[in-house]
Amino acid sequence: PAYRVFLSTLLDYDMMRDASSVLIGLSGGADSCSLLCMFIEYSRSHPIKLKAMHVNHMIRAAEAERDEVFCRELCESAGVEFEAVSVDIPDIAQKSKKGLEEAARDERYKIFRTTALKEGFDRISVAHNAQDNAETVIFNMTRGASATGASGIAPVRENIIRPLIRLTKSEITDFCQRHNIRYVIDSTNSDINYTRNFIRHEIFPKLKQLNPNVEKAFSNFSACLCEDNSALLRIAENHVSEGKTDVLRSLEPAVLKRVLILKAAGAGISLSHYQLEKTAELILRTSKDRTVSSVSLPEGKAFFISADRLVIGKDIPAKERVKKEPGITKPLYYGNNAFFEYRISLG
């Protein structure tokens, strides 16, 4: 049954259209070992090139070395090309001021993308499952996620595919047992000081008391929300080039916010919740009183909102953030200076 779900997920999300090669992230755990074995089976009836890639995070010393050796031997026995890369995640996390989990994830994907691009792999496949998705939804919602965050883990994002996203953890371990697939266990998986482990071991069991099929419930929730969010984004795409604030004010708030997200993304900027809400608020309340409002953004840029236009431009230095009145010039600051207003002369 697990392999049939794998095949249906590939088909339903069109994961392998025009793809002739797949780079597989292989940690050595049950999920990624199952993913590798399923792709090996898939390759028997589909002409695709496979390569497995293991990232040694250098967090668990001898155990991390054990995992790398295990993955290498597994691939050698299966006749699959293999590559291992070591990266000092504790050092990177310290220098970047990121948590270990975040730093490890970012580095993994950076390595996968670089390798896929360099060697011409059409797809990158990782082994997230239904429980991973549910944990992500819970984690994001506790931080006040938008619809995108609450949608969980996308089955497909760019050239990254997740064919196990519909399978529960128990279905994957059952698949391993049925087919005598060996795998290793990460000892840090039981450490609840890691956020995801806390959700997995402390929160998830309680949710399963309410609904034994909670992973499937979260999968359904994510799929529905993802569909809704995608539909709103498609509508928003029709207005991304729009700069007239009167037109933007006429949009439904959900569409307006997605227009702002897309505009910012086009400038290489990711909006915070505050920046998004504040910009939408200013667009909706800016009138023809010749006030120009601004919301500071990353990369030294800002949204500028007038009665007529919305533009992204170079941010104004703090010393120039002033409100001008006849004969009076005085600073006018709000909050932590992330937002300010100033009056300008339009001649």
C-alpha atoms as a PDB file:
ATOM      1  CA  PRO A   1       0.000   0.000   0.000  1.00  0.00           C
ATOM      2  CA  ALA A   2       2.801   2.462   0.799  1.00  0.00           C
ATOM      3  CA  TYR A   3       4.349   2.089  -2.647  1.00  0.00           C
ATOM      4  CA  ARG A   4       0.952   2.638  -4.282  1.00  0.00           C
ATOM      5  CA  VAL A   5       0.578   5.877  -2.283  1.00  0.00           C
ATOM      6  CA  PHE A   6       4.058   6.878  -3.451  1.00  0.00           C
ATOM      7  CA  LEU A   7       3.050   6.288  -7.089  1.00  0.00           C
ATOM      8  CA  SER A   8      -0.277   8.100  -6.758  1.00  0.00           C
ATOM      9  CA  THR A   9       1.455  11.092  -5.142  1.00  0.00           C
ATOM     10  CA  LEU A  10       3.941  11.275  -8.008  1.00  0.00           C
ATOM     11  CA  LEU A  11       1.028  11.202 -10.449  1.00  0.00           C
ATOM     12  CA  ASP A  12      -1.414  13.500  -8.639  1.00  0.00           C
ATOM     13  CA  TYR A  13       1.151  16.264  -8.193  1.00  0.00           C
ATOM     14  CA  ASP A  14       2.779  15.704 -11.589  1.00  0.00           C
ATOM     15  CA  MET A  15       6.107  15.359  -9.805  1.00  0.00           C
ATOM     16  CA  MET A  16       8.022  13.568 -12.532  1.00  0.00           C
ATOM     17  CA  ARG A  17       6.769  15.247 -15.707  1.00  0.00           C
ATOM     18  CA  ASP A  18       9.647  15.497 -18.204  1.00  0.00           C
ATOM     19  CA  ALA A  19      12.088  14.410 -15.476  1.00  0.00           C
ATOM     20  CA  SER A  20      14.839  11.922 -16.264  1.00  0.00           C
ATOM     21  CA  SER A  21      16.925  12.213 -13.084  1.00  0.00           C
ATOM     22  CA  VAL A  22      16.376  12.513  -9.334  1.00  0.00           C
ATOM     23  CA  LEU A  23      18.770  13.539  -6.561  1.00  0.00           C
ATOM     24  CA  ILE A  24      17.578  11.856  -3.346  1.00  0.00           C
ATOM     25  CA  GLY A  25      18.315  13.219   0.100  1.00  0.00           C
ATOM     26  CA  LEU A  26      19.421  10.227   2.187  1.00  0.00           C
ATOM     27  CA  SER A  27      19.851  10.609   5.955  1.00  0.00           C
ATOM     28  CA  GLY A  28      19.795   6.893   6.736  1.00  0.00           C
ATOM     29  CA  GLY A  29      16.507   7.041   8.644  1.00  0.00           C
ATOM     30  CA  ALA A  30      13.402   4.992   7.846  1.00  0.00           C
ATOM     31  CA  ASP A  31      11.828   7.746   5.759  1.00  0.00           C
ATOM     32  CA  SER A  32      14.725   8.417   3.397  1.00  0.00           C
ATOM     33  CA  CYS A  33      15.668   4.742   3.094  1.00  0.00           C
ATOM     34  CA  SER A  34      12.072   3.969   2.111  1.00  0.00           C
ATOM     35  CA  LEU A  35      12.172   6.833  -0.402  1.00  0.00           C
ATOM     36  CA  LEU A  36      15.365   5.483  -1.952  1.00  0.00           C
ATOM     37  CA  CYS A  37      13.967   1.947  -2.226  1.00  0.00           C
ATOM     38  CA  MET A  38      10.718   3.184  -3.757  1.00  0.00           C
ATOM     39  CA  PHE A  39      12.615   5.164  -6.386  1.00  0.00           C
ATOM     40  CA  ILE A  40      14.768   2.124  -7.147  1.00  0.00           C
ATOM     41  CA  GLU A  41      11.572   0.147  -7.761  1.00  0.00           C
ATOM     42  CA  TYR A  42      10.135   3.026  -9.794  1.00  0.00           C
ATOM     43  CA  SER A  43      13.286   3.165 -11.952  1.00  0.00           C
ATOM     44  CA  ARG A  44      12.735  -0.447 -13.025  1.00  0.00           C
ATOM     45  CA  SER A  45       9.790   0.678 -15.152  1.00  0.00           C
ATOM     46  CA  HIS A  46      10.850   4.295 -15.769  1.00  0.00           C
ATOM     47  CA  PRO A  47      14.206   5.262 -17.304  1.00  0.00           C
ATOM     48  CA  ILE A  48      15.531   7.686 -14.700  1.00  0.00           C
ATOM     49  CA  LYS A  49      18.958   8.358 -13.246  1.00  0.00           C
ATOM     50  CA  LEU A  50      19.224   8.184  -9.461  1.00  0.00           C
ATOM     51  CA  LYS A  51      21.776   9.582  -7.068  1.00  0.00           C
ATOM     52  CA  ALA A  52      21.633   9.642  -3.276  1.00  0.00           C
ATOM     53  CA  MET A  53      23.214  12.445  -1.295  1.00  0.00           C
ATOM     54  CA  HIS A  54      23.991  12.414   2.414  1.00  0.00           C
ATOM     55  CA  VAL A  55      24.812  15.511   4.452  1.00  0.00           C
ATOM     56  CA  ASN A  56      26.877  14.879   7.582  1.00  0.00           C
ATOM     57  CA  HIS A  57      25.976  17.746   9.933  1.00  0.00           C
ATOM     58  CA  MET A  58      28.896  16.992  12.282  1.00  0.00           C
ATOM     59  CA  ILE A  59      26.570  17.259  15.282  1.00  0.00           C
ATOM     60  CA  ARG A  60      26.620  13.713  16.670  1.00  0.00           C
ATOM     61  CA  ALA A  61      30.318  12.803  16.267  1.00  0.00           C
ATOM     62  CA  ALA A  62      30.721   9.007  15.937  1.00  0.00           C
ATOM     63  CA  GLU A  63      27.020   8.463  15.332  1.00  0.00           C
ATOM     64  CA  ALA A  64      27.092  10.897  12.406  1.00  0.00           C
ATOM     65  CA  GLU A  65      30.034   8.965  10.931  1.00  0.00           C
ATOM     66  CA  ARG A  66      28.063   5.737  11.419  1.00  0.00           C
ATOM     67  CA  ASP A  67      25.131   7.180   9.476  1.00  0.00           C
ATOM     68  CA  GLU A  68      27.360   8.223   6.584  1.00  0.00           C
ATOM     69  CA  VAL A  69      28.983   4.791   6.371  1.00  0.00           C
ATOM     70  CA  PHE A  70      25.553   3.126   6.520  1.00  0.00           C
ATOM     71  CA  CYS A  71      24.206   5.278   3.666  1.00  0.00           C
ATOM     72  CA  ARG A  72      27.276   4.640   1.538  1.00  0.00           C
ATOM     73  CA  GLU A  73      27.064   0.868   2.026  1.00  0.00           C
ATOM     74  CA  LEU A  74      23.317   0.874   1.357  1.00  0.00           C
ATOM     75  CA  CYS A  75      23.809   2.636  -1.971  1.00  0.00           C
ATOM     76  CA  GLU A  76      26.748   0.453  -2.947  1.00  0.00           C
ATOM     77  CA  SER A  77      24.672  -2.678  -2.345  1.00  0.00           C
ATOM     78  CA  ALA A  78      21.787  -1.218  -4.372  1.00  0.00           C
ATOM     79  CA  GLY A  79      23.990   0.020  -7.201  1.00  0.00           C
ATOM     80  CA  VAL A  80      22.988   3.657  -6.715  1.00  0.00           C
ATOM     81  CA  GLU A  81      25.429   6.541  -7.109  1.00  0.00           C
ATOM     82  CA  PHE A  82      26.234   8.123  -3.744  1.00  0.00           C
ATOM     83  CA  GLU A  83      27.894  11.265  -2.444  1.00  0.00           C
ATOM     84  CA  ALA A  84      28.424  12.479   1.121  1.00  0.00           C
ATOM     85  CA  VAL A  85      29.175  16.050   2.154  1.00  0.00           C
ATOM     86  CA  SER A  86      30.270  17.127   5.630  1.00  0.00           C
ATOM     87  CA  VAL A  87      29.347  20.555   6.933  1.00  0.00           C
ATOM     88  CA  ASP A  88      30.003  21.991  10.388  1.00  0.00           C
ATOM     89  CA  ILE A  89      26.459  22.944  11.369  1.00  0.00           C
ATOM     90  CA  PRO A  90      27.278  23.949  14.992  1.00  0.00           C
ATOM     91  CA  ASP A  91      29.828  26.460  13.689  1.00  0.00           C
ATOM     92  CA  ILE A  92      27.472  27.776  10.994  1.00  0.00           C
ATOM     93  CA  ALA A  93      24.609  28.072  13.486  1.00  0.00           C
ATOM     94  CA  GLN A  94      26.775  30.053  15.880  1.00  0.00           C
ATOM     95  CA  LYS A  95      28.058  32.427  13.213  1.00  0.00           C
ATOM     96  CA  SER A  96      24.639  32.947  11.595  1.00  0.00           C
ATOM     97  CA  LYS A  97      22.826  33.092  14.956  1.00  0.00           C
ATOM     98  CA  LYS A  98      20.419  30.393  13.792  1.00  0.00           C
ATOM     99  CA  GLY A  99      19.176  27.366  15.695  1.00  0.00           C
ATOM    100  CA  LEU A 100      20.763  24.013  14.839  1.00  0.00           C
ATOM    101  CA  GLU A 101      17.599  22.782  13.122  1.00  0.00           C
ATOM    102  CA  GLU A 102      17.269  25.853  10.936  1.00  0.00           C
ATOM    103  CA  ALA A 103      20.957  25.980  10.046  1.00  0.00           C
ATOM    104  CA  ALA A 104      21.011  22.274   9.177  1.00  0.00           C
ATOM    105  CA  ARG A 105      17.919  22.579   6.966  1.00  0.00           C
ATOM    106  CA  ASP A 106      19.250  25.636   5.139  1.00  0.00           C
ATOM    107  CA  GLU A 107      22.628  24.035   4.474  1.00  0.00           C
ATOM    108  CA  ARG A 108      21.071  20.762   3.294  1.00  0.00           C
ATOM    109  CA  TYR A 109      18.922  22.478   0.709  1.00  0.00           C
ATOM    110  CA  LYS A 110      21.790  24.696  -0.376  1.00  0.00           C
ATOM    111  CA  ILE A 111      23.927  21.610  -0.997  1.00  0.00           C
ATOM    112  CA  PHE A 112      21.109  19.748  -2.757  1.00  0.00           C
ATOM    113  CA  ARG A 113      20.330  22.691  -5.050  1.00  0.00           C
ATOM    114  CA  THR A 114      23.989  23.315  -5.873  1.00  0.00           C
ATOM    115  CA  THR A 115      24.591  19.659  -6.713  1.00  0.00           C
ATOM    116  CA  ALA A 116      21.405  19.341  -8.780  1.00  0.00           C
ATOM    117  CA  LEU A 117      22.280  22.431 -10.774  1.00  0.00           C
ATOM    118  CA  LYS A 118      25.910  21.437 -11.271  1.00  0.00           C
ATOM    119  CA  GLU A 119      25.164  17.850 -12.295  1.00  0.00           C
ATOM    120  CA  GLY A 120      21.928  18.453 -14.175  1.00  0.00           C
ATOM    121  CA  PHE A 121      19.419  16.629 -11.964  1.00  0.00           C
ATOM    122  CA  ASP A 122      15.829  17.468 -12.860  1.00  0.00           C
ATOM    123  CA  ARG A 123      14.385  16.823  -9.404  1.00  0.00           C
ATOM    124  CA  ILE A 124      15.472  16.857  -5.776  1.00  0.00           C
ATOM    125  CA  SER A 125      13.466  14.420  -3.659  1.00  0.00           C
ATOM    126  CA  VAL A 126      13.267  14.549   0.130  1.00  0.00           C
ATOM    127  CA  ALA A 127      11.422  12.247   2.500  1.00  0.00           C
ATOM    128  CA  HIS A 128       8.979  14.405   4.450  1.00  0.00           C
ATOM    129  CA  ASN A 129       5.911  12.450   5.504  1.00  0.00           C
ATOM    130  CA  ALA A 130       2.415  13.194   6.828  1.00  0.00           C
ATOM    131  CA  GLN A 131       3.628  13.482  10.426  1.00  0.00           C
ATOM    132  CA  ASP A 132       6.354  15.922   9.413  1.00  0.00           C
ATOM    133  CA  ASN A 133       3.671  17.979   7.707  1.00  0.00           C
ATOM    134  CA  ALA A 134       1.424  17.947  10.775  1.00  0.00           C
ATOM    135  CA  GLU A 135       4.315  18.986  13.019  1.00  0.00           C
ATOM    136  CA  THR A 136       5.125  21.838  10.635  1.00  0.00           C
ATOM    137  CA  VAL A 137       1.517  23.069  10.681  1.00  0.00           C
ATOM    138  CA  ILE A 138       1.454  23.000  14.499  1.00  0.00           C
ATOM    139  CA  PHE A 139       4.827  24.753  14.735  1.00  0.00           C
ATOM    140  CA  ASN A 140       3.873  27.467  12.244  1.00  0.00           C
ATOM    141  CA  MET A 141       0.450  28.084  13.743  1.00  0.00           C
ATOM    142  CA  THR A 142       1.898  28.584  17.222  1.00  0.00           C
ATOM    143  CA  ARG A 143       3.997  31.380  15.711  1.00  0.00           C
ATOM    144  CA  GLY A 144       0.981  33.070  14.117  1.00  0.00           C
ATOM    145  CA  ALA A 145       1.394  31.715  10.607  1.00  0.00           C
ATOM    146  CA  SER A 146      -0.374  33.018   7.535  1.00  0.00           C
ATOM    147  CA  ALA A 147      -2.236  30.700   5.177  1.00  0.00           C
ATOM    148  CA  THR A 148       1.063  29.796   3.539  1.00  0.00           C
ATOM    149  CA  GLY A 149       2.637  28.680   6.796  1.00  0.00           C
ATOM    150  CA  ALA A 150      -0.504  26.883   7.952  1.00  0.00           C
ATOM    151  CA  SER A 151      -0.574  25.022   4.625  1.00  0.00           C
ATOM    152  CA  GLY A 152       2.340  22.974   5.895  1.00  0.00           C
ATOM    153  CA  ILE A 153       4.965  21.334   3.703  1.00  0.00           C
ATOM    154  CA  ALA A 154       4.356  21.744  -0.010  1.00  0.00           C
ATOM    155  CA  PRO A 155       4.389  18.431  -1.930  1.00  0.00           C
ATOM    156  CA  VAL A 156       6.154  20.286  -4.757  1.00  0.00           C
ATOM    157  CA  ARG A 157       8.161  23.488  -4.557  1.00  0.00           C
ATOM    158  CA  GLU A 158      10.194  24.439  -7.623  1.00  0.00           C
ATOM    159  CA  ASN A 159      12.187  21.295  -8.444  1.00  0.00           C
ATOM    160  CA  ILE A 160      11.870  19.762  -4.950  1.00  0.00           C
ATOM    161  CA  ILE A 161       9.394  16.886  -4.618  1.00  0.00           C
ATOM    162  CA  ARG A 162       8.096  15.007  -1.573  1.00  0.00           C
ATOM    163  CA  PRO A 163       6.510  11.719  -2.689  1.00  0.00           C
ATOM    164  CA  LEU A 164       6.032  10.422   0.900  1.00  0.00           C
ATOM    165  CA  ILE A 165       4.027  13.427   2.083  1.00  0.00           C
ATOM    166  CA  ARG A 166       0.782  11.397   2.273  1.00  0.00           C
ATOM    167  CA  LEU A 167       2.289   8.496   4.206  1.00  0.00           C
ATOM    168  CA  THR A 168       2.186   8.296   7.992  1.00  0.00           C
ATOM    169  CA  LYS A 169       5.247   7.363  10.020  1.00  0.00           C
ATOM    170  CA  SER A 170       3.716   4.003  10.919  1.00  0.00           C
ATOM    171  CA  GLU A 171       3.018   3.230   7.248  1.00  0.00           C
ATOM    172  CA  ILE A 172       6.648   3.951   6.428  1.00  0.00           C
ATOM    173  CA  THR A 173       8.072   1.797   9.218  1.00  0.00           C
ATOM    174  CA  ASP A 174       5.649  -0.977   8.233  1.00  0.00           C
ATOM    175  CA  PHE A 175       6.965  -0.724   4.661  1.00  0.00           C
ATOM    176  CA  CYS A 176      10.515  -1.122   5.968  1.00  0.00           C
ATOM    177  CA  GLN A 177       9.565  -4.199   7.981  1.00  0.00           C
ATOM    178  CA  ARG A 178       7.690  -5.819   5.097  1.00  0.00           C
ATOM    179  CA  HIS A 179      10.597  -5.370   2.701  1.00  0.00           C
ATOM    180  CA  ASN A 180      13.472  -5.902   5.158  1.00  0.00           C
ATOM    181  CA  ILE A 181      14.776  -2.385   4.673  1.00  0.00           C
ATOM    182  CA  ARG A 182      17.435  -1.504   7.225  1.00  0.00           C
ATOM    183  CA  TYR A 183      17.781   2.013   8.603  1.00  0.00           C
ATOM    184  CA  VAL A 184      19.510   3.882  11.420  1.00  0.00           C
ATOM    185  CA  ILE A 185      17.963   5.864  14.266  1.00  0.00           C
ATOM    186  CA  ASP A 186      19.136   9.372  15.135  1.00  0.00           C
ATOM    187  CA  SER A 187      19.624   9.502  18.915  1.00  0.00           C
ATOM    188  CA  THR A 188      18.755  13.217  18.943  1.00  0.00           C
ATOM    189  CA  ASN A 189      15.214  12.350  17.792  1.00  0.00           C
ATOM    190  CA  SER A 190      14.293  11.797  21.427  1.00  0.00           C
ATOM    191  CA  ASP A 191      15.752  15.104  22.641  1.00  0.00           C
ATOM    192  CA  ILE A 192      12.730  17.322  23.343  1.00  0.00           C
ATOM    193  CA  ASN A 193      14.959  20.393  23.569  1.00  0.00           C
ATOM    194  CA  TYR A 194      14.560  20.445  19.783  1.00  0.00           C
ATOM    195  CA  THR A 195      11.253  22.106  18.888  1.00  0.00           C
ATOM    196  CA  ARG A 196      10.103  19.468  16.438  1.00  0.00           C
ATOM    197  CA  ASN A 197      10.919  16.665  18.858  1.00  0.00           C
ATOM    198  CA  PHE A 198       8.912  18.419  21.565  1.00  0.00           C
ATOM    199  CA  ILE A 199       5.924  18.579  19.232  1.00  0.00           C
ATOM    200  CA  ARG A 200       6.455  14.967  18.173  1.00  0.00           C
ATOM    201  CA  HIS A 201       6.818  13.458  21.642  1.00  0.00           C
ATOM    202  CA  GLU A 202       4.806  15.778  23.876  1.00  0.00           C
ATOM    203  CA  ILE A 203       2.026  17.294  21.753  1.00  0.00           C
ATOM    204  CA  PHE A 204       1.359  14.812  18.984  1.00  0.00           C
ATOM    205  CA  PRO A 205       0.466  11.845  21.238  1.00  0.00           C
ATOM    206  CA  LYS A 206      -2.212  13.983  22.900  1.00  0.00           C
ATOM    207  CA  LEU A 207      -3.651  14.966  19.532  1.00  0.00           C
ATOM    208  CA  LYS A 208      -3.790  11.286  18.566  1.00  0.00           C
ATOM    209  CA  GLN A 209      -5.951  10.688  21.631  1.00  0.00           C
ATOM    210  CA  LEU A 210      -8.478  13.047  20.062  1.00  0.00           C
ATOM    211  CA  ASN A 211      -8.091  11.543  16.593  1.00  0.00           C
ATOM    212  CA  PRO A 212      -5.993   8.417  15.935  1.00  0.00           C
ATOM    213  CA  ASN A 213      -5.750   9.510  12.274  1.00  0.00           C
ATOM    214  CA  VAL A 214      -4.571  13.014  13.085  1.00  0.00           C
ATOM    215  CA  GLU A 215      -1.800  12.917  10.445  1.00  0.00           C
ATOM    216  CA  LYS A 216      -4.379  12.322   7.720  1.00  0.00           C
ATOM    217  CA  ALA A 217      -6.569  15.067   9.190  1.00  0.00           C
ATOM    218  CA  PHE A 218      -3.704  17.548   9.001  1.00  0.00           C
ATOM    219  CA  SER A 219      -2.918  16.385   5.452  1.00  0.00           C
ATOM    220  CA  ASN A 220      -6.502  17.118   4.416  1.00  0.00           C
ATOM    221  CA  PHE A 221      -6.390  20.496   6.168  1.00  0.00           C
ATOM    222  CA  SER A 222      -3.110  21.399   4.463  1.00  0.00           C
ATOM    223  CA  ALA A 223      -4.335  20.322   1.039  1.00  0.00           C
ATOM    224  CA  CYS A 224      -7.544  22.363   1.308  1.00  0.00           C
ATOM    225  CA  LEU A 225      -5.757  25.447   2.600  1.00  0.00           C
ATOM    226  CA  CYS A 226      -3.079  25.116  -0.068  1.00  0.00           C
ATOM    227  CA  GLU A 227      -5.767  25.033  -2.772  1.00  0.00           C
ATOM    228  CA  ASP A 228      -7.442  28.138  -1.363  1.00  0.00           C
ATOM    229  CA  ASN A 229      -4.154  29.971  -1.020  1.00  0.00           C
ATOM    230  CA  SER A 230      -3.114  29.031  -4.556  1.00  0.00           C
ATOM    231  CA  ALA A 231      -6.407  30.346  -5.943  1.00  0.00           C
ATOM    232  CA  LEU A 232      -5.952  33.668  -4.145  1.00  0.00           C
ATOM    233  CA  LEU A 233      -2.368  33.917  -5.386  1.00  0.00           C
ATOM    234  CA  ARG A 234      -3.507  33.367  -8.973  1.00  0.00           C
ATOM    235  CA  ILE A 235      -5.962  36.244  -8.576  1.00  0.00           C
ATOM    236  CA  ALA A 236      -3.265  38.389  -6.960  1.00  0.00           C
ATOM    237  CA  GLU A 237      -0.865  37.734  -9.841  1.00  0.00           C
ATOM    238  CA  ASN A 238      -3.216  39.694 -12.113  1.00  0.00           C
ATOM    239  CA  HIS A 239      -2.630  42.805  -9.984  1.00  0.00           C
ATOM    240  CA  VAL A 240       1.098  42.588  -9.193  1.00  0.00           C
ATOM    241  CA  SER A 241       1.982  45.232 -11.770  1.00  0.00           C
ATOM    242  CA  GLU A 242      -0.775  47.511 -10.444  1.00  0.00           C
ATOM    243  CA  GLY A 243       0.547  50.577  -8.643  1.00  0.00           C
ATOM    244  CA  LYS A 244      -2.560  52.703  -8.291  1.00  0.00           C
ATOM    245  CA  THR A 245      -3.678  52.740  -4.676  1.00  0.00           C
ATOM    246  CA  ASP A 246      -7.339  53.318  -5.530  1.00  0.00           C
ATOM    247  CA  VAL A 247      -7.345  50.043  -7.484  1.00  0.00           C
ATOM    248  CA  LEU A 248      -5.474  48.244  -4.705  1.00  0.00           C
ATOM    249  CA  ARG A 249      -7.979  49.572  -2.152  1.00  0.00           C
ATOM    250  CA  SER A 250     -10.787  47.987  -4.167  1.00  0.00           C
ATOM    251  CA  LEU A 251      -9.309  44.492  -3.744  1.00  0.00           C
ATOM    252  CA  GLU A 252     -10.416  42.071  -1.070  1.00  0.00           C
ATOM    253  CA  PRO A 253      -7.954  42.258   1.855  1.00  0.00           C
ATOM    254  CA  ALA A 254      -6.850  38.634   1.309  1.00  0.00           C
ATOM    255  CA  VAL A 255      -6.004  39.404  -2.323  1.00  0.00           C
ATOM    256  CA  LEU A 256      -4.373  42.746  -1.494  1.00  0.00           C
ATOM    257  CA  LYS A 257      -2.004  41.142   0.995  1.00  0.00           C
ATOM    258  CA  ARG A 258      -0.954  38.531  -1.527  1.00  0.00           C
ATOM    259  CA  VAL A 259      -0.311  41.269  -4.092  1.00  0.00           C
ATOM    260  CA  LEU A 260       2.029  42.891  -1.571  1.00  0.00           C
ATOM    261  CA  ILE A 261       3.763  39.580  -0.884  1.00  0.00           C
ATOM    262  CA  LEU A 262       4.313  39.021  -4.604  1.00  0.00           C
ATOM    263  CA  LYS A 263       5.499  42.602  -5.165  1.00  0.00           C
ATOM    264  CA  ALA A 264       8.026  42.252  -2.360  1.00  0.00           C
ATOM    265  CA  ALA A 265       9.143  38.826  -3.594  1.00  0.00           C
ATOM    266  CA  GLY A 266       9.797  40.370  -7.002  1.00  0.00           C
ATOM    267  CA  ALA A 267      12.245  42.726  -5.283  1.00  0.00           C
ATOM    268  CA  GLY A 268      13.884  39.826  -3.457  1.00  0.00           C
ATOM    269  CA  ILE A 269      12.193  40.672  -0.150  1.00  0.00           C
ATOM    270  CA  SER A 270      10.300  38.487   2.310  1.00  0.00           C
ATOM    271  CA  LEU A 271       7.733  40.453   4.301  1.00  0.00           C
ATOM    272  CA  SER A 272       7.240  40.030   8.032  1.00  0.00           C
ATOM    273  CA  HIS A 273       3.709  39.845   9.401  1.00  0.00           C
ATOM    274  CA  TYR A 274       4.067  43.400  10.752  1.00  0.00           C
ATOM    275  CA  GLN A 275       5.304  44.826   7.451  1.00  0.00           C
ATOM    276  CA  LEU A 276       2.497  43.134   5.521  1.00  0.00           C
ATOM    277  CA  GLU A 277      -0.278  44.218   7.872  1.00  0.00           C
ATOM    278  CA  LYS A 278       1.025  47.771   8.197  1.00  0.00           C
ATOM    279  CA  THR A 279       1.368  48.268   4.433  1.00  0.00           C
ATOM    280  CA  ALA A 280      -2.146  46.920   3.782  1.00  0.00           C
ATOM    281  CA  GLU A 281      -3.503  49.177   6.544  1.00  0.00           C
ATOM    282  CA  LEU A 282      -1.854  52.257   5.054  1.00  0.00           C
ATOM    283  CA  ILE A 283      -3.148  51.515   1.569  1.00  0.00           C
ATOM    284  CA  LEU A 284      -6.681  51.172   2.882  1.00  0.00           C
ATOM    285  CA  ARG A 285      -6.599  54.403   4.919  1.00  0.00           C
ATOM    286  CA  THR A 286      -4.402  56.683   2.817  1.00  0.00           C
ATOM    287  CA  SER A 287      -6.600  59.451   1.413  1.00  0.00           C
ATOM    288  CA  LYS A 288      -5.978  62.453  -0.809  1.00  0.00           C
ATOM    289  CA  ASP A 289      -4.422  64.589   1.923  1.00  0.00           C
ATOM    290  CA  ARG A 290      -1.010  64.487   0.229  1.00  0.00           C
ATOM    291  CA  THR A 291       0.491  62.351   2.950  1.00  0.00           C
ATOM    292  CA  VAL A 292       3.104  59.824   1.869  1.00  0.00           C
ATOM    293  CA  SER A 293       3.496  56.881   4.205  1.00  0.00           C
ATOM    294  CA  SER A 294       6.329  54.411   4.254  1.00  0.00           C
ATOM    295  CA  VAL A 295       7.051  50.973   5.673  1.00  0.00           C
ATOM    296  CA  SER A 296      10.714  50.004   5.965  1.00  0.00           C
ATOM    297  CA  LEU A 297      11.644  46.655   4.427  1.00  0.00           C
ATOM    298  CA  PRO A 298      14.774  44.487   4.402  1.00  0.00           C
ATOM    299  CA  GLU A 299      17.647  45.170   2.000  1.00  0.00           C
ATOM    300  CA  GLY A 300      17.438  48.932   2.631  1.00  0.00           C
ATOM    301  CA  LYS A 301      14.148  49.276   0.770  1.00  0.00           C
ATOM    302  CA  ALA A 302      10.678  50.495   1.664  1.00  0.00           C
ATOM    303  CA  PHE A 303       7.086  50.563   0.468  1.00  0.00           C
ATOM    304  CA  PHE A 304       5.960  54.147  -0.235  1.00  0.00           C
ATOM    305  CA  ILE A 305       2.218  54.760  -0.223  1.00  0.00           C
ATOM    306  CA  SER A 306       0.544  57.938  -1.421  1.00  0.00           C
ATOM    307  CA  ALA A 307      -3.034  58.705  -2.363  1.00  0.00           C
ATOM    308  CA  ASP A 308      -2.168  57.748  -5.927  1.00  0.00           C
ATOM    309  CA  ARG A 309       0.670  55.232  -5.973  1.00  0.00           C
ATOM    310  CA  LEU A 310       2.356  52.320  -4.251  1.00  0.00           C
ATOM    311  CA  VAL A 311       6.041  51.823  -5.065  1.00  0.00           C
ATOM    312  CA  ILE A 312       9.058  50.016  -3.669  1.00  0.00           C
ATOM    313  CA  GLY A 313      12.064  52.292  -3.388  1.00  0.00           C
ATOM    314  CA  LYS A 314      15.199  53.028  -1.420  1.00  0.00           C
ATOM    315  CA  ASP A 315      14.464  53.523   2.267  1.00  0.00           C
ATOM    316  CA  ILE A 316      14.857  56.978   3.806  1.00  0.00           C
ATOM    317  CA  PRO A 317      17.571  57.396   6.475  1.00  0.00           C
ATOM    318  CA  ALA A 318      16.220  57.829   9.999  1.00  0.00           C
ATOM    319  CA  LYS A 319      17.529  61.393  10.243  1.00  0.00           C
ATOM    320  CA  GLU A 320      15.398  62.339   7.242  1.00  0.00           C
ATOM    321  CA  ARG A 321      12.209  60.830   8.645  1.00  0.00           C
ATOM    322  CA  VAL A 322      10.443  64.063   9.514  1.00  0.00           C
ATOM    323  CA  LYS A 323       7.000  65.576   9.430  1.00  0.00           C
ATOM    324  CA  LYS A 324       7.048  68.987   7.748  1.00  0.00           C
ATOM    325  CA  GLU A 325       4.576  71.667   8.609  1.00  0.00           C
ATOM    326  CA  PRO A 326       4.713  75.413   7.813  1.00  0.00           C
ATOM    327  CA  GLY A 327       7.690  76.757   9.768  1.00  0.00           C
ATOM    328  CA  ILE A 328       8.071  73.504  11.729  1.00  0.00           C
ATOM    329  CA  THR A 329      10.235  70.444  11.151  1.00  0.00           C
ATOM    330  CA  LYS A 330      10.084  67.720  13.770  1.00  0.00           C
ATOM    331  CA  PRO A 331      10.687  63.966  13.825  1.00  0.00           C
ATOM    332  CA  LEU A 332       7.644  61.699  13.968  1.00  0.00           C
ATOM    333  CA  TYR A 333       8.417  58.081  14.865  1.00  0.00           C
ATOM    334  CA  TYR A 334       6.229  55.061  15.451  1.00  0.00           C
ATOM    335  CA  GLY A 335       7.135  51.886  17.309  1.00  0.00           C
ATOM    336  CA  ASN A 336      10.687  50.731  16.638  1.00  0.00           C
ATOM    337  CA  ASN A 337      11.123  53.029  13.612  1.00  0.00           C
ATOM    338  CA  ALA A 338       9.970  50.216  11.313  1.00  0.00           C
ATOM    339  CA  PHE A 339       7.155  52.544  10.264  1.00  0.00           C
ATOM    340  CA  PHE A 340       7.045  56.280   9.864  1.00  0.00           C
ATOM    341  CA  GLU A 341       5.053  58.991   8.108  1.00  0.00           C
ATOM    342  CA  TYR A 342       6.164  62.324   6.784  1.00  0.00           C
ATOM    343  CA  ARG A 343       4.388  65.138   4.947  1.00  0.00           C
ATOM    344  CA  ILE A 344       5.818  66.271   1.647  1.00  0.00           C
ATOM    345  CA  SER A 345       5.128  69.226  -0.597  1.00  0.00           C
ATOM    346  CA  LEU A 346       3.603  68.205  -3.888  1.00  0.00           C
ATOM    347  CA  GLY A 347       3.955  71.714  -5.276  1.00  0.00           C
END
